[in-house]
């Protein structure tokens, strides 16, 4: 399957997997700390533990914190 990841204004990143993969594993492959982003599928925020079983496009929203 093919996972297209949209992050910031960069070109989309592509992650391919022959077996189901979690969003956390996708983020690991892209060297993105899971604590720094929210994963959005369509208009729904999805847990990083969600398992991907088909071709999809997910958007990553940067979570900023601090004071």
PDB file of N, CA and C in Angstrom:
ATOM      1  N   UNK A   1       0.836  -1.171   0.000  1.00  0.00           N
ATOM      2  CA  UNK A   1       0.000   0.000   0.000  1.00  0.00           C
ATOM      3  C   UNK A   1       0.882   1.235   0.000  1.00  0.00           C
ATOM      4  N   UNK A   2       0.293   2.346  -0.348  1.00  0.00           N
ATOM      5  CA  UNK A   2       1.015   3.604  -0.489  1.00  0.00           C
ATOM      6  C   UNK A   2       0.363   4.648   0.406  1.00  0.00           C
ATOM      7  N   UNK A   3       1.166   5.238   1.286  1.00  0.00           N
ATOM      8  CA  UNK A   3       0.682   6.271   2.196  1.00  0.00           C
ATOM      9  C   UNK A   3       1.326   7.584   1.783  1.00  0.00           C
ATOM     10  N   UNK A   4       0.498   8.550   1.412  1.00  0.00           N
ATOM     11  CA  UNK A   4       0.979   9.880   1.048  1.00  0.00           C
ATOM     12  C   UNK A   4       0.834  10.756   2.281  1.00  0.00           C
ATOM     13  N   UNK A   5       1.931  11.400   2.685  1.00  0.00           N
ATOM     14  CA  UNK A   5       1.943  12.209   3.897  1.00  0.00           C
ATOM     15  C   UNK A   5       2.210  13.658   3.516  1.00  0.00           C
ATOM     16  N   UNK A   6       1.248  14.518   3.856  1.00  0.00           N
ATOM     17  CA  UNK A   6       1.387  15.949   3.598  1.00  0.00           C
ATOM     18  C   UNK A   6       1.801  16.609   4.906  1.00  0.00           C
ATOM     19  N   UNK A   7       2.944  17.303   4.867  1.00  0.00           N
ATOM     20  CA  UNK A   7       3.516  17.888   6.069  1.00  0.00           C
ATOM     21  C   UNK A   7       4.110  19.244   5.739  1.00  0.00           C
ATOM     22  N   UNK A   8       3.675  20.285   6.421  1.00  0.00           N
ATOM     23  CA  UNK A   8       4.131  21.649   6.153  1.00  0.00           C
ATOM     24  C   UNK A   8       3.861  22.000   4.696  1.00  0.00           C
ATOM     25  N   UNK A   9       4.758  22.780   4.102  1.00  0.00           N
ATOM     26  CA  UNK A   9       4.592  23.174   2.705  1.00  0.00           C
ATOM     27  C   UNK A   9       5.503  22.383   1.784  1.00  0.00           C
ATOM     28  N   UNK A  10       6.126  21.339   2.328  1.00  0.00           N
ATOM     29  CA  UNK A  10       7.038  20.518   1.537  1.00  0.00           C
ATOM     30  C   UNK A  10       6.258  19.644   0.566  1.00  0.00           C
ATOM     31  N   UNK A  11       7.006  19.045  -0.354  1.00  0.00           N
ATOM     32  CA  UNK A  11       6.419  18.045  -1.235  1.00  0.00           C
ATOM     33  C   UNK A  11       5.882  16.908  -0.371  1.00  0.00           C
ATOM     34  N   UNK A  12       4.780  16.295  -0.769  1.00  0.00           N
ATOM     35  CA  UNK A  12       4.282  15.152  -0.003  1.00  0.00           C
ATOM     36  C   UNK A  12       5.334  14.047   0.060  1.00  0.00           C
ATOM     37  N   UNK A  13       5.376  13.346   1.172  1.00  0.00           N
ATOM     38  CA  UNK A  13       6.261  12.196   1.335  1.00  0.00           C
ATOM     39  C   UNK A  13       5.447  10.935   1.090  1.00  0.00           C
ATOM     40  N   UNK A  14       6.104   9.925   0.556  1.00  0.00           N
ATOM     41  CA  UNK A  14       5.444   8.652   0.268  1.00  0.00           C
ATOM     42  C   UNK A  14       6.097   7.563   1.111  1.00  0.00           C
ATOM     43  N   UNK A  15       5.262   6.783   1.781  1.00  0.00           N
ATOM     44  CA  UNK A  15       5.734   5.610   2.510  1.00  0.00           C
ATOM     45  C   UNK A  15       4.995   4.419   1.920  1.00  0.00           C
ATOM     46  N   UNK A  16       5.743   3.381   1.573  1.00  0.00           N
ATOM     47  CA  UNK A  16       5.124   2.177   1.032  1.00  0.00           C
ATOM     48  C   UNK A  16       5.341   1.018   1.991  1.00  0.00           C
ATOM     49  N   UNK A  17       4.341   0.150   2.069  1.00  0.00           N
ATOM     50  CA  UNK A  17       4.420  -1.006   2.950  1.00  0.00           C
ATOM     51  C   UNK A  17       3.649  -2.164   2.323  1.00  0.00           C
ATOM     52  N   UNK A  18       4.195  -3.358   2.467  1.00  0.00           N
ATOM     53  CA  UNK A  18       3.520  -4.545   1.947  1.00  0.00           C
ATOM     54  C   UNK A  18       2.528  -5.123   2.944  1.00  0.00           C
ATOM     55  N   UNK A  19       2.590  -4.650   4.191  1.00  0.00           N
ATOM     56  CA  UNK A  19       1.678  -5.149   5.216  1.00  0.00           C
ATOM     57  C   UNK A  19       1.116  -3.979   6.012  1.00  0.00           C
ATOM     58  N   UNK A  20       0.039  -4.206   6.772  1.00  0.00           N
ATOM     59  CA  UNK A  20      -0.541  -3.112   7.561  1.00  0.00           C
ATOM     60  C   UNK A  20       0.530  -2.412   8.398  1.00  0.00           C
ATOM     61  N   UNK A  21       0.360  -1.110   8.547  1.00  0.00           N
ATOM     62  CA  UNK A  21       1.345  -0.281   9.239  1.00  0.00           C
ATOM     63  C   UNK A  21       0.610   0.777  10.057  1.00  0.00           C
ATOM     64  N   UNK A  22       1.135   1.098  11.218  1.00  0.00           N
ATOM     65  CA  UNK A  22       0.502   2.129  12.049  1.00  0.00           C
ATOM     66  C   UNK A  22       1.016   3.507  11.636  1.00  0.00           C
ATOM     67  N   UNK A  23       0.270   4.506  12.008  1.00  0.00           N
ATOM     68  CA  UNK A  23       0.700   5.880  11.736  1.00  0.00           C
ATOM     69  C   UNK A  23       2.012   6.161  12.463  1.00  0.00           C
ATOM     70  N   UNK A  24       2.174   5.614  13.666  1.00  0.00           N
ATOM     71  CA  UNK A  24       3.432   5.782  14.400  1.00  0.00           C
ATOM     72  C   UNK A  24       4.602   5.239  13.587  1.00  0.00           C
ATOM     73  N   UNK A  25       4.426   4.083  12.966  1.00  0.00           N
ATOM     74  CA  UNK A  25       5.496   3.502  12.153  1.00  0.00           C
ATOM     75  C   UNK A  25       5.785   4.360  10.918  1.00  0.00           C
ATOM     76  N   UNK A  26       4.748   4.937  10.327  1.00  0.00           N
ATOM     77  CA  UNK A  26       4.942   5.838   9.188  1.00  0.00           C
ATOM     78  C   UNK A  26       5.773   7.040   9.630  1.00  0.00           C
ATOM     79  N   UNK A  27       5.413   7.627  10.761  1.00  0.00           N
ATOM     80  CA  UNK A  27       6.156   8.780  11.274  1.00  0.00           C
ATOM     81  C   UNK A  27       7.610   8.405  11.562  1.00  0.00           C
ATOM     82  N   UNK A  28       7.830   7.229  12.129  1.00  0.00           N
ATOM     83  CA  UNK A  28       9.195   6.764  12.402  1.00  0.00           C
ATOM     84  C   UNK A  28      10.010   6.678  11.111  1.00  0.00           C
ATOM     85  N   UNK A  29       9.406   6.141  10.073  1.00  0.00           N
ATOM     86  CA  UNK A  29      10.114   6.017   8.782  1.00  0.00           C
ATOM     87  C   UNK A  29      10.484   7.377   8.211  1.00  0.00           C
ATOM     88  N   UNK A  30       9.671   8.391   8.534  1.00  0.00           N
ATOM     89  CA  UNK A  30       9.929   9.740   8.028  1.00  0.00           C
ATOM     90  C   UNK A  30      10.751  10.576   9.009  1.00  0.00           C
ATOM     91  N   UNK A  31      11.184   9.961  10.110  1.00  0.00           N
ATOM     92  CA  UNK A  31      11.955  10.661  11.155  1.00  0.00           C
ATOM     93  C   UNK A  31      11.214  11.886  11.699  1.00  0.00           C
ATOM     94  N   UNK A  32       9.912  11.710  11.941  1.00  0.00           N
ATOM     95  CA  UNK A  32       9.079  12.757  12.520  1.00  0.00           C
ATOM     96  C   UNK A  32       8.652  12.290  13.908  1.00  0.00           C
ATOM     97  N   UNK A  33       8.955  13.084  14.923  1.00  0.00           N
ATOM     98  CA  UNK A  33       8.554  12.736  16.294  1.00  0.00           C
ATOM     99  C   UNK A  33       7.031  12.792  16.397  1.00  0.00           C
ATOM    100  N   UNK A  34       6.428  11.694  16.826  1.00  0.00           N
ATOM    101  CA  UNK A  34       4.964  11.629  16.883  1.00  0.00           C
ATOM    102  C   UNK A  34       4.369  12.642  17.854  1.00  0.00           C
ATOM    103  N   UNK A  35       5.145  13.077  18.838  1.00  0.00           N
ATOM    104  CA  UNK A  35       4.638  14.046  19.815  1.00  0.00           C
ATOM    105  C   UNK A  35       4.526  15.455  19.236  1.00  0.00           C
ATOM    106  N   UNK A  36       5.037  15.660  18.022  1.00  0.00           N
ATOM    107  CA  UNK A  36       5.040  17.005  17.445  1.00  0.00           C
ATOM    108  C   UNK A  36       3.946  17.240  16.410  1.00  0.00           C
ATOM    109  N   UNK A  37       3.174  16.188  16.091  1.00  0.00           N
ATOM    110  CA  UNK A  37       2.164  16.328  15.036  1.00  0.00           C
ATOM    111  C   UNK A  37       0.856  15.617  15.381  1.00  0.00           C
ATOM    112  N   UNK A  38      -0.213  16.099  14.765  1.00  0.00           N
ATOM    113  CA  UNK A  38      -1.500  15.405  14.762  1.00  0.00           C
ATOM    114  C   UNK A  38      -1.679  14.822  13.370  1.00  0.00           C
ATOM    115  N   UNK A  39      -2.243  13.638  13.285  1.00  0.00           N
ATOM    116  CA  UNK A  39      -2.512  13.011  11.997  1.00  0.00           C
ATOM    117  C   UNK A  39      -3.981  13.227  11.658  1.00  0.00           C
ATOM    118  N   UNK A  40      -4.231  13.722  10.442  1.00  0.00           N
ATOM    119  CA  UNK A  40      -5.593  14.034  10.020  1.00  0.00           C
ATOM    120  C   UNK A  40      -5.907  13.238   8.758  1.00  0.00           C
ATOM    121  N   UNK A  41      -7.025  12.522   8.809  1.00  0.00           N
ATOM    122  CA  UNK A  41      -7.521  11.768   7.665  1.00  0.00           C
ATOM    123  C   UNK A  41      -8.857  12.379   7.279  1.00  0.00           C
ATOM    124  N   UNK A  42      -8.909  12.990   6.106  1.00  0.00           N
ATOM    125  CA  UNK A  42     -10.103  13.749   5.731  1.00  0.00           C
ATOM    126  C   UNK A  42     -10.187  14.965   6.631  1.00  0.00           C
ATOM    127  N   UNK A  43     -11.206  15.017   7.455  1.00  0.00           N
ATOM    128  CA  UNK A  43     -11.348  16.117   8.420  1.00  0.00           C
ATOM    129  C   UNK A  43     -11.321  15.588   9.855  1.00  0.00           C
ATOM    130  N   UNK A  44     -10.842  14.365  10.025  1.00  0.00           N
ATOM    131  CA  UNK A  44     -10.849  13.722  11.335  1.00  0.00           C
ATOM    132  C   UNK A  44      -9.435  13.492  11.837  1.00  0.00           C
ATOM    133  N   UNK A  45      -9.175  13.901  13.079  1.00  0.00           N
ATOM    134  CA  UNK A  45      -7.902  13.599  13.722  1.00  0.00           C
ATOM    135  C   UNK A  45      -7.945  12.129  14.125  1.00  0.00           C
ATOM    136  N   UNK A  46      -6.913  11.398  13.751  1.00  0.00           N
ATOM    137  CA  UNK A  46      -6.880   9.963  14.055  1.00  0.00           C
ATOM    138  C   UNK A  46      -5.708   9.651  14.982  1.00  0.00           C
ATOM    139  N   UNK A  47      -5.871   8.644  15.846  1.00  0.00           N
ATOM    140  CA  UNK A  47      -4.785   8.265  16.757  1.00  0.00           C
ATOM    141  C   UNK A  47      -3.578   7.729  15.994  1.00  0.00           C
ATOM    142  N   UNK A  48      -2.414   7.974  16.524  1.00  0.00           N
ATOM    143  CA  UNK A  48      -1.189   7.472  15.889  1.00  0.00           C
ATOM    144  C   UNK A  48      -1.127   5.949  15.918  1.00  0.00           C
ATOM    145  N   UNK A  49      -1.905   5.332  16.780  1.00  0.00           N
ATOM    146  CA  UNK A  49      -1.939   3.870  16.853  1.00  0.00           C
ATOM    147  C   UNK A  49      -2.811   3.251  15.758  1.00  0.00           C
ATOM    148  N   UNK A  50      -3.506   4.082  14.985  1.00  0.00           N
ATOM    149  CA  UNK A  50      -4.377   3.581  13.919  1.00  0.00           C
ATOM    150  C   UNK A  50      -3.574   2.775  12.909  1.00  0.00           C
ATOM    151  N   UNK A  51      -4.162   1.672  12.449  1.00  0.00           N
ATOM    152  CA  UNK A  51      -3.507   0.809  11.473  1.00  0.00           C
ATOM    153  C   UNK A  51      -4.006   1.142  10.074  1.00  0.00           C
ATOM    154  N   UNK A  52      -3.066   1.301   9.167  1.00  0.00           N
ATOM    155  CA  UNK A  52      -3.378   1.618   7.770  1.00  0.00           C
ATOM    156  C   UNK A  52      -3.332   0.314   6.985  1.00  0.00           C
ATOM    157  N   UNK A  53      -4.408   0.043   6.237  1.00  0.00           N
ATOM    158  CA  UNK A  53      -4.484  -1.196   5.467  1.00  0.00           C
ATOM    159  C   UNK A  53      -4.706  -0.949   3.976  1.00  0.00           C
ATOM    160  N   UNK A  54      -4.923   0.304   3.572  1.00  0.00           N
ATOM    161  CA  UNK A  54      -5.160   0.656   2.174  1.00  0.00           C
ATOM    162  C   UNK A  54      -4.371   1.903   1.829  1.00  0.00           C
ATOM    163  N   UNK A  55      -4.299   2.219   0.541  1.00  0.00           N
ATOM    164  CA  UNK A  55      -3.676   3.463   0.114  1.00  0.00           C
ATOM    165  C   UNK A  55      -4.462   4.629   0.707  1.00  0.00           C
ATOM    166  N   UNK A  56      -3.750   5.568   1.341  1.00  0.00           N
ATOM    167  CA  UNK A  56      -4.425   6.737   1.904  1.00  0.00           C
ATOM    168  C   UNK A  56      -3.528   7.960   1.799  1.00  0.00           C
ATOM    169  N   UNK A  57      -4.135   9.098   2.070  1.00  0.00           N
ATOM    170  CA  UNK A  57      -3.401  10.356   2.186  1.00  0.00           C
ATOM    171  C   UNK A  57      -3.709  10.916   3.568  1.00  0.00           C
ATOM    172  N   UNK A  58      -2.659  11.181   4.337  1.00  0.00           N
ATOM    173  CA  UNK A  58      -2.852  11.790   5.648  1.00  0.00           C
ATOM    174  C   UNK A  58      -2.117  13.118   5.687  1.00  0.00           C
ATOM    175  N   UNK A  59      -2.674  14.032   6.438  1.00  0.00           N
ATOM    176  CA  UNK A  59      -2.054  15.342   6.624  1.00  0.00           C
ATOM    177  C   UNK A  59      -1.539  15.416   8.051  1.00  0.00           C
ATOM    178  N   UNK A  60      -0.368  15.992   8.212  1.00  0.00           N
ATOM    179  CA  UNK A  60       0.199  16.188   9.543  1.00  0.00           C
ATOM    180  C   UNK A  60       0.112  17.644   9.913  1.00  0.00           C
ATOM    181  N   UNK A  61      -0.452  17.928  11.086  1.00  0.00           N
ATOM    182  CA  UNK A  61      -0.570  19.271  11.611  1.00  0.00           C
ATOM    183  C   UNK A  61       0.432  19.402  12.746  1.00  0.00           C
ATOM    184  N   UNK A  62       1.302  20.385  12.660  1.00  0.00           N
ATOM    185  CA  UNK A  62       2.312  20.594  13.699  1.00  0.00           C
ATOM    186  C   UNK A  62       1.638  21.123  14.963  1.00  0.00           C
ATOM    187  N   UNK A  63       1.977  20.498  16.077  1.00  0.00           N
ATOM    188  CA  UNK A  63       1.462  20.909  17.373  1.00  0.00           C
ATOM    189  C   UNK A  63       2.560  21.727  18.026  1.00  0.00           C
ATOM    190  N   UNK A  64       2.237  22.979  18.358  1.00  0.00           N
ATOM    191  CA  UNK A  64       3.251  23.803  19.010  1.00  0.00           C
ATOM    192  C   UNK A  64       2.865  23.968  20.474  1.00  0.00           C
ATOM    193  N   UNK A  65       3.880  24.031  21.291  1.00  0.00           N
ATOM    194  CA  UNK A  65       3.635  24.227  22.712  1.00  0.00           C
ATOM    195  C   UNK A  65       4.677  25.166  23.239  1.00  0.00           C
ATOM    196  N   UNK A  66       4.476  25.601  24.418  1.00  0.00           N
ATOM    197  CA  UNK A  66       5.424  26.522  25.022  1.00  0.00           C
ATOM    198  C   UNK A  66       4.696  27.691  25.648  1.00  0.00           C
ATOM    199  N   UNK A  67       5.455  28.635  26.069  1.00  0.00           N
ATOM    200  CA  UNK A  67       4.797  29.726  26.752  1.00  0.00           C
ATOM    201  C   UNK A  67       5.406  31.045  26.465  1.00  0.00           C
TER     202      UNK A  67
END
